[in-house]
Amino acid sequence: MSALVVVFLFVLVGIAFGVGALVAAWLLRPSLPYERKLSTYECGITPVGTPEVKLNIRFYVFALLFVIFDVEILYVYPWAVTARQIGPAALAEMAIFLAILFLGLLYAWRKGALVWE
């Protein structure tokens, strides 16, 4: 058997297992919907107003900045492991990459995206 056939079968078994578990749960669960059960639960208090909560955009910007600089580590770590094998070109490429990220950090800092009030 080819290695690709084994991987394909593995994927099929994984999908079948996931779909089978969902179908079994759907068939075996009790379904007794009524108005109180379908209402929004807020710690035992009757819900007031709309369920939509408006958050400040700074929370999203802060989260995106975290993700950007967290993903940076995914590129820096493998580079650090293989930097000697690649040579001076790798050092120059990483310096450019880190400089671009540093400029982005400076821009976010000047715009006040890192200020938490």
C-alpha atoms as a PDB file:
ATOM      1  CA  MET A   1       0.000   0.000   0.000  1.00  0.00           C
ATOM      2  CA  SER A   2       1.243   3.462  -0.868  1.00  0.00           C
ATOM      3  CA  ALA A   3       1.992   5.983   1.894  1.00  0.00           C
ATOM      4  CA  LEU A   4      -0.600   8.356   0.419  1.00  0.00           C
ATOM      5  CA  VAL A   5      -3.275   5.674   0.583  1.00  0.00           C
ATOM      6  CA  VAL A   6      -2.502   5.125   4.258  1.00  0.00           C
ATOM      7  CA  VAL A   7      -2.738   8.868   4.962  1.00  0.00           C
ATOM      8  CA  PHE A   8      -6.002   9.080   2.987  1.00  0.00           C
ATOM      9  CA  LEU A   9      -7.483   6.175   4.953  1.00  0.00           C
ATOM     10  CA  PHE A  10      -6.332   7.768   8.205  1.00  0.00           C
ATOM     11  CA  VAL A  11      -8.108  11.010   7.252  1.00  0.00           C
ATOM     12  CA  LEU A  12     -11.261   9.125   6.277  1.00  0.00           C
ATOM     13  CA  VAL A  13     -11.333   7.226   9.575  1.00  0.00           C
ATOM     14  CA  GLY A  14     -10.843  10.498  11.475  1.00  0.00           C
ATOM     15  CA  ILE A  15     -13.693  12.202   9.618  1.00  0.00           C
ATOM     16  CA  ALA A  16     -15.935   9.167  10.055  1.00  0.00           C
ATOM     17  CA  PHE A  17     -15.186   9.094  13.777  1.00  0.00           C
ATOM     18  CA  GLY A  18     -16.049  12.779  14.188  1.00  0.00           C
ATOM     19  CA  VAL A  19     -19.231  12.594  12.111  1.00  0.00           C
ATOM     20  CA  GLY A  20     -20.247   9.342  13.821  1.00  0.00           C
ATOM     21  CA  ALA A  21     -19.873  10.883  17.273  1.00  0.00           C
ATOM     22  CA  LEU A  22     -21.985  13.890  16.274  1.00  0.00           C
ATOM     23  CA  VAL A  23     -24.709  11.699  14.732  1.00  0.00           C
ATOM     24  CA  ALA A  24     -24.759   9.401  17.776  1.00  0.00           C
ATOM     25  CA  ALA A  25     -25.078  12.384  20.109  1.00  0.00           C
ATOM     26  CA  TRP A  26     -27.885  13.823  17.981  1.00  0.00           C
ATOM     27  CA  LEU A  27     -29.773  10.507  17.994  1.00  0.00           C
ATOM     28  CA  LEU A  28     -29.304   9.693  21.693  1.00  0.00           C
ATOM     29  CA  ARG A  29     -29.850  13.084  23.330  1.00  0.00           C
ATOM     30  CA  PRO A  30     -33.201  14.047  24.789  1.00  0.00           C
ATOM     31  CA  SER A  31     -34.851  16.945  22.992  1.00  0.00           C
ATOM     32  CA  LEU A  32     -37.376  18.783  25.163  1.00  0.00           C
ATOM     33  CA  PRO A  33     -37.216  22.440  24.119  1.00  0.00           C
ATOM     34  CA  TYR A  34     -39.418  24.969  25.898  1.00  0.00           C
ATOM     35  CA  GLU A  35     -39.358  28.764  26.216  1.00  0.00           C
ATOM     36  CA  ARG A  36     -37.359  29.024  29.427  1.00  0.00           C
ATOM     37  CA  LYS A  37     -34.779  26.479  28.266  1.00  0.00           C
ATOM     38  CA  LEU A  38     -34.255  28.354  25.002  1.00  0.00           C
ATOM     39  CA  SER A  39     -33.816  31.765  26.670  1.00  0.00           C
ATOM     40  CA  THR A  40     -30.461  33.432  27.271  1.00  0.00           C
ATOM     41  CA  TYR A  41     -28.923  32.574  30.647  1.00  0.00           C
ATOM     42  CA  GLU A  42     -27.366  35.423  32.619  1.00  0.00           C
ATOM     43  CA  CYS A  43     -26.465  34.018  36.047  1.00  0.00           C
ATOM     44  CA  GLY A  44     -30.079  33.462  37.028  1.00  0.00           C
ATOM     45  CA  ILE A  45     -31.111  37.048  36.243  1.00  0.00           C
ATOM     46  CA  THR A  46     -33.765  37.763  33.640  1.00  0.00           C
ATOM     47  CA  PRO A  47     -32.007  39.107  30.530  1.00  0.00           C
ATOM     48  CA  VAL A  48     -32.367  42.846  29.952  1.00  0.00           C
ATOM     49  CA  GLY A  49     -31.618  44.617  26.682  1.00  0.00           C
ATOM     50  CA  THR A  50     -29.916  43.198  23.631  1.00  0.00           C
ATOM     51  CA  PRO A  51     -27.326  40.420  23.838  1.00  0.00           C
ATOM     52  CA  GLU A  52     -24.992  42.485  21.638  1.00  0.00           C
ATOM     53  CA  VAL A  53     -22.017  43.868  23.549  1.00  0.00           C
ATOM     54  CA  LYS A  54     -20.020  46.682  21.996  1.00  0.00           C
ATOM     55  CA  LEU A  55     -16.311  46.485  22.762  1.00  0.00           C
ATOM     56  CA  ASN A  56     -13.725  49.149  22.191  1.00  0.00           C
ATOM     57  CA  ILE A  57     -11.643  48.639  19.048  1.00  0.00           C
ATOM     58  CA  ARG A  58      -8.460  48.857  21.158  1.00  0.00           C
ATOM     59  CA  PHE A  59      -9.105  45.344  22.468  1.00  0.00           C
ATOM     60  CA  TYR A  60      -9.064  43.964  18.920  1.00  0.00           C
ATOM     61  CA  VAL A  61      -5.964  45.945  17.964  1.00  0.00           C
ATOM     62  CA  PHE A  62      -4.148  44.766  21.070  1.00  0.00           C
ATOM     63  CA  ALA A  63      -5.107  41.142  20.334  1.00  0.00           C
ATOM     64  CA  LEU A  64      -3.945  41.429  16.718  1.00  0.00           C
ATOM     65  CA  LEU A  65      -0.634  42.904  17.805  1.00  0.00           C
ATOM     66  CA  PHE A  66      -0.180  40.024  20.221  1.00  0.00           C
ATOM     67  CA  VAL A  67      -0.885  37.487  17.486  1.00  0.00           C
ATOM     68  CA  ILE A  68       1.529  39.188  15.079  1.00  0.00           C
ATOM     69  CA  PHE A  69       4.402  39.224  17.550  1.00  0.00           C
ATOM     70  CA  ASP A  70       3.553  35.749  18.818  1.00  0.00           C
ATOM     71  CA  VAL A  71       3.660  34.309  15.297  1.00  0.00           C
ATOM     72  CA  GLU A  72       7.053  35.975  14.862  1.00  0.00           C
ATOM     73  CA  ILE A  73       8.506  33.353  17.195  1.00  0.00           C
ATOM     74  CA  LEU A  74       7.347  30.658  14.771  1.00  0.00           C
ATOM     75  CA  TYR A  75       9.752  32.118  12.216  1.00  0.00           C
ATOM     76  CA  VAL A  76      12.606  33.082  14.509  1.00  0.00           C
ATOM     77  CA  TYR A  77      13.021  29.753  16.317  1.00  0.00           C
ATOM     78  CA  PRO A  78      13.578  27.499  13.267  1.00  0.00           C
ATOM     79  CA  TRP A  79      15.860  30.161  11.798  1.00  0.00           C
ATOM     80  CA  ALA A  80      17.956  30.188  14.987  1.00  0.00           C
ATOM     81  CA  VAL A  81      18.319  26.414  14.841  1.00  0.00           C
ATOM     82  CA  THR A  82      19.540  26.393  11.225  1.00  0.00           C
ATOM     83  CA  ALA A  83      21.283  29.797  10.978  1.00  0.00           C
ATOM     84  CA  ARG A  84      24.836  28.385  10.866  1.00  0.00           C
ATOM     85  CA  GLN A  85      23.974  25.980   8.071  1.00  0.00           C
ATOM     86  CA  ILE A  86      22.336  28.657   5.925  1.00  0.00           C
ATOM     87  CA  GLY A  87      25.065  31.257   6.288  1.00  0.00           C
ATOM     88  CA  PRO A  88      25.270  35.053   6.284  1.00  0.00           C
ATOM     89  CA  ALA A  89      22.325  35.418   3.899  1.00  0.00           C
ATOM     90  CA  ALA A  90      20.060  34.050   6.616  1.00  0.00           C
ATOM     91  CA  LEU A  91      21.360  36.651   9.053  1.00  0.00           C
ATOM     92  CA  ALA A  92      20.595  39.463   6.611  1.00  0.00           C
ATOM     93  CA  GLU A  93      17.108  38.139   5.866  1.00  0.00           C
ATOM     94  CA  MET A  94      16.287  37.814   9.564  1.00  0.00           C
ATOM     95  CA  ALA A  95      17.615  41.301  10.250  1.00  0.00           C
ATOM     96  CA  ILE A  96      15.265  42.686   7.587  1.00  0.00           C
ATOM     97  CA  PHE A  97      12.349  40.668   8.979  1.00  0.00           C
ATOM     98  CA  LEU A  98      12.964  41.856  12.541  1.00  0.00           C
ATOM     99  CA  ALA A  99      13.460  45.456  11.380  1.00  0.00           C
ATOM    100  CA  ILE A 100      10.070  45.417   9.649  1.00  0.00           C
ATOM    101  CA  LEU A 101       8.449  44.019  12.772  1.00  0.00           C
ATOM    102  CA  PHE A 102      10.214  46.593  14.933  1.00  0.00           C
ATOM    103  CA  LEU A 103       8.944  49.388  12.691  1.00  0.00           C
ATOM    104  CA  GLY A 104       5.436  47.990  13.083  1.00  0.00           C
ATOM    105  CA  LEU A 105       5.867  47.959  16.847  1.00  0.00           C
ATOM    106  CA  LEU A 106       7.073  51.575  16.828  1.00  0.00           C
ATOM    107  CA  TYR A 107       4.105  52.591  14.677  1.00  0.00           C
ATOM    108  CA  ALA A 108       1.644  50.880  17.037  1.00  0.00           C
ATOM    109  CA  TRP A 109       3.348  52.447  20.024  1.00  0.00           C
ATOM    110  CA  ARG A 110       3.181  55.967  18.534  1.00  0.00           C
ATOM    111  CA  LYS A 111      -0.489  55.506  17.657  1.00  0.00           C
ATOM    112  CA  GLY A 112      -1.219  54.530  21.284  1.00  0.00           C
ATOM    113  CA  ALA A 113      -2.299  50.968  20.524  1.00  0.00           C
ATOM    114  CA  LEU A 114      -0.248  49.631  23.430  1.00  0.00           C
ATOM    115  CA  VAL A 115      -1.719  51.997  26.026  1.00  0.00           C
ATOM    116  CA  TRP A 116      -4.086  50.145  28.324  1.00  0.00           C
ATOM    117  CA  GLU A 117      -6.464  52.430  30.213  1.00  0.00           C
END
